[in-house]
Structure formats: C-alpha cells, structure tokens
Amino acid sequence: MSDERAVDVALLRKFSPLAGMKKENLVALARKVSISQLPANRLLFKEGDKDKRTYWLIAGLVELREGERTVAMIRAGSPEARNPLAAQSPRRLSARAVDPIEYLAIDSELLDMMITWDQTGTYEVSELKAQFEGSGGEDWMTTLLQTQAFHRIPPANIQAIFMRMQRVLCRSGETVIQQGAEGDFFYAIVSGKCVVTRETPMNRGGLKLAELGVGDTFGEEALISEAKRNATVSMLTDGVLMRLNKQDFRELMNEPLVQWINYPEAREVVTRGGRWLDVRLPSEHQNLAIEGSLNIPLYFIRLKLSTLDRALKYVVYCDTGRRSSAAAFILVERGFDAYVLRGGLDSAERDVRRSS
C-alpha cells in the first residue's frame, strides 16, 4: 500500500450506510479514517478472513470470488459500490484488485457503534460543542467512542455519560488526584497532559508511572474497589478535564464493562488458552496463589500493559473481587479480554498453591 490520504464528509456521504449519518458525526469519523491504495492483482481480503474491517471501493475495479468462481465485478462509482464490499465475517468471498484501486476501510465495531450512537442519541453532537468549545471536545469524544470499552457500553449509557460529565479547567502543576485521598470522580482528558506519580517508602518525592494525554482516562481504581487513591495525578500543562461522579461511573460504565465469571467458567477459559492474573501484592502472591498465575499488582497494572498478550483472555483475581474488578476494568477499557473471578481465591481452592 502507498501513502494514505485524508477523507472528507462529501466522500463519506457517497456510501451506505454512512450517507444517513448526521454531519457532526461524519466530521468526527472523517478525522479518524483515510483513503488507502492497493496495486493491481493484490488481494484486499480473502475468503475465510475474520478481520473486523468494512471496505468501500473509491477508484478502480474489484473482482469478488468464491473459491475459483467469479461472483461479481465491482466498479468504483457504480450503484453496487455504494455498499460495503462483501461485509460478512468471516468473509464469504475474496476481493482482488483488477486495477490499482483506492479504498476506504473503517473498523467494523467502531462503525457499528457510531451508527448506533447516531441513530439512538436524543441530542446532536453539535449541542455538546458549546460545552467543549476550544477544548478539542469533538476529537475527545471520538477518541473515547473508538476505545474498546465504549464498544461494550449501551448507547443510552454513552449518551448519559456525555451529558453528566462536568468540565473542569486545570492549570499546569495543579493536583487533580492526591495519593491516599478518597475516590470521588472518574476523569477523561480533553486537552493538555497529566503525569501519574506514586509515593513509596524509598521515594517520597514520587515515582513517575506514566504521562497521559487527550482521550486518556484515570481515577477508576478507587471508585471500583472502594479504596484510597493509589497514585497522584497532576497537570503537566494547562488543560481541560471531564469528570464523572462515582455513582454515575459505577452505574453507567463499570457495570456494563466488568464481566464476572464463576470458578468452573474461569477454569474453562484458562483450559482453552487463557491466563490467570493475580493483582494482589507480590508478598500475597508468594504466600497463596492459583497455580501458574501471573502476578501484576493493581497499582502496577498500567505500567505492565505492554507485557500482556492481547490475543489471550485473562481471568483476574484477588481475595474479594475489589482489586480484580478494578484491574479488569482497566484492561477491558484498553482493549483486552478480561474477566473477574467471582468469590476470589476462596472459590478456587482446587488450583491454589501455598508456600511451603
């Protein structure tokens, strides 16, 4: 593939079902997709593929094949080209570029979620612009809508989340969350940057854990686990945050996202290639743990995301479910497939090992 080009709303309106979407939503979508190119005689996708992408032909000619049989020839600009190319999953057909082609590809889950949002929302995205004016609100909303977490949240909940969030102006150096304080809000960054630090006995000044930018979220752990804040979050620059209070967060975001499973179901997930993930402290893990489990303490989970395999399913556990549900939320929000073991270690006696 060669260089990609930007997409405008006029182009998106040529295709179904995009043509029926509100302009504001198409503008937001156009910023997240691009036009790609493919040389002649190359496959765009093949029969049996399970990729979650939706394709439209912009220029050139595509042959659709089932096995060795040609099913259709689709020319850009034709009535047939208004619709996605062989959109079923897994693919029932192969698509081959007869000429050099240009095409548009959109993540299928994002597309479905955006269309659902467009059709079920009782207000226009433009109504939010005044609230977020000058703060990059449209980009922020689209960024959140693209996350795996929002794919699992009912559209009515998404609508309520955006309406109930409060806008907060912050100055560089300002502390948003203080380690050791009670949890009160869940935050999303609209503009600016934040730094996450954690005070330890060896580092009273605070160990830097992460930098966060537009579209990033924080503050969920304490709200889910009913624990004290485990880190401090401060502004690196001037910025704008959106915050959701504890009760709204738990009802609208946490409950739809966190998937609880019992011990037999968890063992089945692990037997089929999943992994146990213990989010307690290392000392707890060394004393008592499920055999073969990976140990990443809850406070360390964000730093270790890159070490986890997105192709695996994780069964997260702790003693009670509080820490594990907070960890599972973080994982799911960032695109991992994670479950919480109901009943914690007490329910998993069969696989538990104890230190000798």
Protein backbone atom coordinates (compact mmCIF):
# COMPACT_ATOMS: atom_id res chain seq x y z
CA MET A 1 0.00 0.00 0.00
CA SER A 2 1.15 3.54 -0.72
CA ASP A 3 0.54 6.74 1.20
CA GLU A 4 -2.87 7.32 2.72
CA ARG A 5 -5.00 10.41 2.07
CA ALA A 6 -7.43 12.30 4.24
CA VAL A 7 -11.19 11.79 3.90
CA ASP A 8 -13.86 14.47 3.73
CA VAL A 9 -17.55 14.33 4.61
CA ALA A 10 -18.65 14.62 0.97
CA LEU A 11 -16.86 11.37 0.15
CA LEU A 12 -18.34 9.53 3.14
CA ARG A 13 -21.83 10.59 2.07
CA LYS A 14 -21.43 8.62 -1.18
CA PHE A 15 -21.56 5.33 0.71
CA SER A 16 -24.18 3.34 2.57
CA PRO A 17 -24.91 3.42 5.49
CA LEU A 18 -22.72 6.48 6.08
CA ALA A 19 -24.94 8.68 3.93
CA GLY A 20 -27.64 8.64 6.58
CA MET A 21 -25.45 9.86 9.43
CA LYS A 22 -25.59 13.36 10.90
CA LYS A 23 -22.98 15.80 9.59
CA GLU A 24 -21.38 16.30 13.03
CA ASN A 25 -20.79 12.58 13.42
CA LEU A 26 -19.43 12.24 9.88
CA VAL A 27 -16.99 15.10 10.54
CA ALA A 28 -15.71 13.28 13.62
CA LEU A 29 -15.49 9.97 11.75
CA ALA A 30 -13.67 11.55 8.78
CA ARG A 31 -10.84 12.60 11.09
CA LYS A 32 -10.21 9.01 12.09
CA VAL A 33 -10.16 7.28 8.68
CA SER A 34 -8.16 7.66 5.47
CA ILE A 35 -8.06 6.57 1.83
CA SER A 36 -5.66 3.72 1.05
CA GLN A 37 -4.32 2.29 -2.21
CA LEU A 38 -3.66 -1.26 -3.44
CA PRO A 39 -1.78 -2.34 -6.62
CA ALA A 40 -3.45 -4.44 -9.31
CA ASN A 41 -3.69 -8.22 -8.75
CA ARG A 42 -3.37 -7.89 -4.97
CA LEU A 43 -5.96 -9.26 -2.52
CA LEU A 44 -7.82 -6.76 -0.39
CA PHE A 45 -9.11 -9.64 1.72
CA LYS A 46 -9.58 -13.36 1.20
CA GLU A 47 -12.36 -15.86 1.80
CA GLY A 48 -12.43 -17.01 5.42
CA ASP A 49 -10.77 -13.88 6.83
CA LYS A 50 -12.12 -12.76 10.21
CA ASP A 51 -10.77 -9.22 10.11
CA LYS A 52 -13.13 -6.65 11.57
CA ARG A 53 -12.87 -4.06 8.80
CA THR A 54 -15.52 -2.62 6.49
CA TYR A 55 -14.36 -1.64 2.99
CA TRP A 56 -15.75 0.65 0.28
CA LEU A 57 -14.28 0.99 -3.23
CA ILE A 58 -13.38 4.57 -4.22
CA ALA A 59 -11.48 4.04 -7.51
CA GLY A 60 -10.74 1.11 -9.81
CA LEU A 61 -12.23 -2.35 -10.34
CA VAL A 62 -12.51 -5.22 -7.83
CA GLU A 63 -13.28 -8.88 -8.54
CA LEU A 64 -15.24 -10.78 -5.89
CA ARG A 65 -14.58 -14.52 -5.94
CA GLU A 66 -15.97 -17.57 -4.17
CA GLY A 67 -13.32 -20.25 -4.48
CA GLU A 68 -12.32 -20.21 -8.15
CA ARG A 69 -15.64 -18.73 -9.31
CA THR A 70 -16.08 -15.03 -10.06
CA VAL A 71 -19.19 -13.79 -8.28
CA ALA A 72 -19.14 -10.11 -9.24
CA MET A 73 -17.04 -7.33 -10.74
CA ILE A 74 -17.47 -4.08 -8.78
CA ARG A 75 -16.54 -0.80 -10.49
CA ALA A 76 -15.98 2.33 -8.38
CA GLY A 77 -18.85 4.80 -8.78
CA SER A 78 -21.38 2.11 -9.68
CA PRO A 79 -24.57 1.57 -7.63
CA GLU A 80 -23.05 -1.65 -6.25
CA ALA A 81 -20.00 0.26 -5.00
CA ARG A 82 -22.16 2.35 -2.69
CA ASN A 83 -22.37 -0.65 -0.36
CA PRO A 84 -19.51 -2.25 1.60
CA LEU A 85 -17.54 -4.96 -0.18
CA ALA A 86 -18.57 -8.47 0.97
CA ALA A 87 -19.03 -7.31 4.54
CA GLN A 88 -19.81 -10.66 6.19
CA SER A 89 -17.47 -12.08 8.84
CA PRO A 90 -15.86 -14.49 8.36
CA ARG A 91 -15.52 -13.41 4.73
CA ARG A 92 -17.57 -15.48 2.30
CA LEU A 93 -15.74 -14.03 -0.69
CA SER A 94 -12.27 -12.90 -1.70
CA ALA A 95 -11.70 -9.41 -3.12
CA ARG A 96 -8.93 -8.89 -5.73
CA ALA A 97 -7.87 -5.57 -7.22
CA VAL A 98 -8.16 -5.90 -11.01
CA ASP A 99 -6.81 -2.35 -11.48
CA PRO A 100 -4.84 -0.30 -9.00
CA ILE A 101 -7.58 0.68 -6.55
CA GLU A 102 -8.33 3.21 -3.87
CA TYR A 103 -10.49 2.18 -0.96
CA LEU A 104 -11.83 3.28 2.40
CA ALA A 105 -11.52 0.99 5.44
CA ILE A 106 -13.19 1.50 8.83
CA ASP A 107 -13.04 -0.66 11.93
CA SER A 108 -16.36 -2.54 11.85
CA GLU A 109 -17.02 -2.29 15.58
CA LEU A 110 -16.36 1.45 15.53
CA LEU A 111 -18.66 1.83 12.54
CA ASP A 112 -21.48 -0.13 14.18
CA MET A 113 -21.10 1.80 17.41
CA MET A 114 -21.00 5.19 15.63
CA ILE A 115 -24.11 4.38 13.58
CA THR A 116 -25.93 3.18 16.69
CA TRP A 117 -24.88 6.33 18.53
CA ASP A 118 -26.00 8.45 15.58
CA GLN A 119 -29.44 6.85 15.44
CA THR A 120 -30.22 6.45 19.14
CA GLY A 121 -28.90 9.70 20.61
CA THR A 122 -31.64 12.13 21.58
CA TYR A 123 -29.41 15.13 21.08
CA GLU A 124 -27.00 16.35 18.43
CA VAL A 125 -23.25 16.23 18.94
CA SER A 126 -23.33 19.90 17.98
CA GLU A 127 -25.12 20.62 21.26
CA LEU A 128 -22.00 19.47 23.06
CA LYS A 129 -19.72 21.74 21.06
CA ALA A 130 -20.62 24.80 23.08
CA GLN A 131 -19.74 22.95 26.29
CA PHE A 132 -16.42 21.74 24.88
CA GLU A 133 -15.68 24.80 22.73
CA GLY A 134 -11.99 25.48 22.43
CA SER A 135 -11.07 22.28 24.20
CA GLY A 136 -10.93 19.78 21.35
CA GLY A 137 -14.15 18.20 22.58
CA GLU A 138 -15.15 16.63 19.30
CA ASP A 139 -11.79 14.83 18.99
CA TRP A 140 -12.02 13.77 22.62
CA MET A 141 -15.50 12.30 22.19
CA THR A 142 -14.49 10.43 19.05
CA THR A 143 -11.36 9.12 20.77
CA LEU A 144 -13.42 7.73 23.64
CA LEU A 145 -16.01 6.28 21.28
CA GLN A 146 -13.25 4.37 19.49
CA THR A 147 -11.98 2.65 22.63
CA GLN A 148 -12.87 -0.99 23.21
CA ALA A 149 -14.53 0.00 26.47
CA PHE A 150 -17.18 2.10 24.77
CA HIS A 151 -17.96 -0.69 22.30
CA ARG A 152 -19.43 -2.63 25.23
CA ILE A 153 -21.40 0.20 26.78
CA PRO A 154 -25.07 0.55 25.70
CA PRO A 155 -25.72 3.66 23.56
CA ALA A 156 -28.14 5.06 26.13
CA ASN A 157 -25.36 4.87 28.74
CA ILE A 158 -22.91 6.65 26.43
CA GLN A 159 -25.42 9.41 25.93
CA ALA A 160 -25.91 9.76 29.69
CA ILE A 161 -22.15 9.71 30.33
CA PHE A 162 -21.51 12.66 28.00
CA MET A 163 -24.43 14.60 29.43
CA ARG A 164 -23.47 14.05 33.07
CA MET A 165 -19.75 14.73 32.74
CA GLN A 166 -18.59 18.03 34.21
CA ARG A 167 -15.98 20.24 32.55
CA VAL A 168 -13.02 21.26 34.73
CA LEU A 169 -10.34 23.81 33.79
CA CYS A 170 -6.91 22.95 35.24
CA ARG A 171 -3.60 24.80 35.44
CA SER A 172 -0.11 23.42 34.96
CA GLY A 173 1.16 21.91 38.22
CA GLU A 174 -2.32 21.51 39.70
CA THR A 175 -3.00 18.27 41.58
CA VAL A 176 -6.12 16.52 40.29
CA ILE A 177 -5.92 13.35 42.42
CA GLN A 178 -3.90 13.00 45.61
CA GLN A 179 -2.50 9.63 46.66
CA GLY A 180 -4.26 8.45 49.83
CA ALA A 181 -7.42 10.51 49.26
CA GLU A 182 -10.93 9.11 48.88
CA GLY A 183 -12.12 8.36 45.35
CA ASP A 184 -14.79 10.72 44.07
CA PHE A 185 -14.53 11.16 40.27
CA PHE A 186 -13.52 9.36 37.08
CA TYR A 187 -11.61 11.64 34.68
CA ALA A 188 -11.06 11.94 30.92
CA ILE A 189 -8.53 14.33 29.41
CA VAL A 190 -10.00 16.75 26.85
CA SER A 191 -6.87 18.85 26.36
CA GLY A 192 -3.43 19.06 27.93
CA LYS A 193 -1.27 16.43 29.64
CA CYS A 194 -1.10 14.84 33.08
CA VAL A 195 1.60 12.96 34.97
CA VAL A 196 0.93 9.99 37.29
CA THR A 197 3.25 9.52 40.27
CA ARG A 198 3.29 7.16 43.23
CA GLU A 199 4.97 7.81 46.57
CA THR A 200 6.85 4.85 48.05
CA PRO A 201 8.89 4.38 51.24
CA MET A 202 12.02 4.57 49.08
CA ASN A 203 10.84 7.56 47.03
CA ARG A 204 8.92 10.17 48.98
CA GLY A 205 9.13 12.58 46.08
CA GLY A 206 7.04 10.27 43.93
CA LEU A 207 7.96 7.68 41.31
CA LYS A 208 6.77 8.68 37.84
CA LEU A 209 4.45 5.98 36.48
CA ALA A 210 3.03 7.48 33.29
CA GLU A 211 2.15 10.52 31.23
CA LEU A 212 -1.41 10.85 29.97
CA GLY A 213 -2.81 12.82 27.03
CA VAL A 214 -6.04 13.64 25.20
CA GLY A 215 -8.53 10.77 25.33
CA ASP A 216 -6.77 9.04 28.24
CA THR A 217 -8.75 8.32 31.39
CA PHE A 218 -7.86 7.83 35.05
CA GLY A 219 -9.31 7.54 38.53
CA GLU A 220 -11.32 4.35 38.14
CA GLU A 221 -9.46 2.08 40.57
CA ALA A 222 -10.55 3.79 43.78
CA LEU A 223 -14.15 4.12 42.59
CA ILE A 224 -14.46 0.40 41.85
CA SER A 225 -12.51 -1.00 44.78
CA GLU A 226 -13.73 1.49 47.41
CA ALA A 227 -10.06 2.02 48.29
CA LYS A 228 -7.91 5.12 48.74
CA ARG A 229 -6.27 6.70 45.70
CA ASN A 230 -3.12 4.69 44.93
CA ALA A 231 -1.32 7.44 42.98
CA THR A 232 -1.19 11.19 42.46
CA VAL A 233 -2.22 12.75 39.13
CA SER A 234 -1.05 16.29 38.36
CA MET A 235 -1.27 18.55 35.35
CA LEU A 236 1.88 18.79 33.23
CA THR A 237 0.30 21.60 31.20
CA ASP A 238 -2.80 23.76 31.32
CA GLY A 239 -5.74 21.65 30.22
CA VAL A 240 -9.37 20.66 30.38
CA LEU A 241 -10.71 17.53 32.06
CA MET A 242 -14.15 15.97 32.01
CA ARG A 243 -15.18 14.18 35.18
CA LEU A 244 -17.95 11.75 36.07
CA ASN A 245 -19.02 11.30 39.69
CA LYS A 246 -18.61 8.00 41.48
CA GLN A 247 -22.24 6.86 41.35
CA ASP A 248 -22.71 7.69 37.66
CA PHE A 249 -19.40 5.99 36.81
CA ARG A 250 -20.35 2.78 38.58
CA GLU A 251 -23.84 2.62 37.06
CA LEU A 252 -23.07 3.78 33.52
CA MET A 253 -19.54 2.47 32.88
CA ASN A 254 -18.35 -0.10 35.39
CA GLU A 255 -21.37 -2.40 35.47
CA PRO A 256 -21.67 -2.81 31.68
CA LEU A 257 -17.92 -3.43 31.28
CA VAL A 258 -16.89 -5.78 34.07
CA GLN A 259 -17.62 -9.44 33.30
CA TRP A 260 -17.84 -11.72 36.34
CA ILE A 261 -17.44 -15.49 35.97
CA ASN A 262 -17.54 -18.31 38.50
CA TYR A 263 -14.69 -20.74 39.12
CA PRO A 264 -15.78 -23.54 36.70
CA GLU A 265 -16.23 -20.95 33.93
CA ALA A 266 -12.83 -19.45 34.76
CA ARG A 267 -11.11 -22.84 34.61
CA GLU A 268 -12.67 -23.40 31.19
CA VAL A 269 -11.29 -20.06 29.95
CA VAL A 270 -7.81 -20.97 31.19
CA THR A 271 -8.03 -24.52 29.81
CA ARG A 272 -8.78 -23.04 26.38
CA GLY A 273 -5.64 -20.92 26.44
CA GLY A 274 -6.48 -18.12 28.84
CA ARG A 275 -4.31 -16.95 31.73
CA TRP A 276 -4.84 -16.39 35.46
CA LEU A 277 -3.83 -12.85 36.50
CA ASP A 278 -3.27 -12.15 40.20
CA VAL A 279 -3.43 -8.41 41.01
CA ARG A 280 -2.55 -8.67 44.70
CA LEU A 281 0.81 -7.68 46.17
CA PRO A 282 3.84 -9.90 45.46
CA SER A 283 4.00 -10.96 49.12
CA GLU A 284 0.39 -12.14 48.97
CA HIS A 285 1.03 -13.98 45.72
CA GLN A 286 4.09 -15.73 47.11
CA ASN A 287 2.13 -16.92 50.14
CA LEU A 288 -1.02 -18.08 48.37
CA ALA A 289 -1.88 -18.10 44.67
CA ILE A 290 -3.53 -20.01 41.86
CA GLU A 291 -1.04 -22.35 40.25
CA GLY A 292 0.52 -20.86 37.13
CA SER A 293 -0.90 -17.39 37.63
CA LEU A 294 0.84 -14.20 36.52
CA ASN A 295 1.28 -11.59 39.27
CA ILE A 296 0.93 -7.88 38.47
CA PRO A 297 -0.19 -5.73 41.44
CA LEU A 298 -3.13 -3.44 40.74
CA TYR A 299 -1.10 -0.26 41.28
CA PHE A 300 1.39 -1.51 38.65
CA ILE A 301 -1.10 -2.72 36.04
CA ARG A 302 -0.96 0.35 33.75
CA LEU A 303 2.83 0.17 33.51
CA LYS A 304 2.75 -3.51 32.59
CA LEU A 305 0.07 -3.41 29.88
CA SER A 306 2.72 -3.77 27.16
CA THR A 307 3.84 -7.09 28.67
CA LEU A 308 0.38 -8.64 28.33
CA ASP A 309 -0.79 -10.53 25.25
CA ARG A 310 -3.90 -9.00 23.66
CA ALA A 311 -4.64 -12.32 21.98
CA LEU A 312 -5.16 -14.01 25.36
CA LYS A 313 -8.16 -13.97 27.68
CA TYR A 314 -7.29 -13.07 31.27
CA VAL A 315 -9.13 -14.22 34.39
CA VAL A 316 -8.28 -11.61 37.02
CA TYR A 317 -8.45 -12.44 40.70
CA CYS A 318 -7.67 -11.14 44.19
CA ASP A 319 -9.07 -12.04 47.62
CA THR A 320 -12.51 -10.42 47.40
CA GLY A 321 -13.05 -9.15 43.86
CA ARG A 322 -12.47 -5.48 44.61
CA ARG A 323 -8.95 -5.15 43.29
CA SER A 324 -9.56 -7.64 40.50
CA SER A 325 -12.65 -5.82 39.22
CA ALA A 326 -10.69 -2.54 39.15
CA ALA A 327 -7.89 -4.22 37.20
CA ALA A 328 -10.32 -5.89 34.80
CA PHE A 329 -11.95 -2.52 34.06
CA ILE A 330 -8.55 -1.04 33.16
CA LEU A 331 -7.78 -4.00 30.90
CA VAL A 332 -11.14 -4.01 29.12
CA GLU A 333 -11.04 -0.24 28.71
CA ARG A 334 -7.76 -0.69 26.84
CA GLY A 335 -8.91 -3.47 24.54
CA PHE A 336 -8.07 -6.64 26.50
CA ASP A 337 -10.48 -9.53 27.00
CA ALA A 338 -10.65 -9.82 30.81
CA TYR A 339 -12.94 -11.48 33.33
CA VAL A 340 -13.22 -11.24 37.12
CA LEU A 341 -13.22 -14.39 39.25
CA ARG A 342 -16.33 -14.25 41.41
CA GLY A 343 -15.51 -15.11 45.00
CA GLY A 344 -11.77 -14.60 44.58
CA LEU A 345 -9.26 -17.13 45.88
CA ASP A 346 -11.77 -18.82 48.18
CA SER A 347 -13.64 -20.11 45.14
CA ALA A 348 -10.51 -21.58 43.54
CA GLU A 349 -9.33 -23.97 46.23
CA ARG A 350 -8.69 -26.73 43.69
CA ASP A 351 -5.92 -24.81 41.91
CA VAL A 352 -4.46 -22.86 44.83
CA ARG A 353 -0.85 -23.43 45.85
CA ARG A 354 0.56 -22.40 49.20
CA SER A 355 4.13 -21.52 50.07
CA SER A 356 5.89 -24.27 51.93
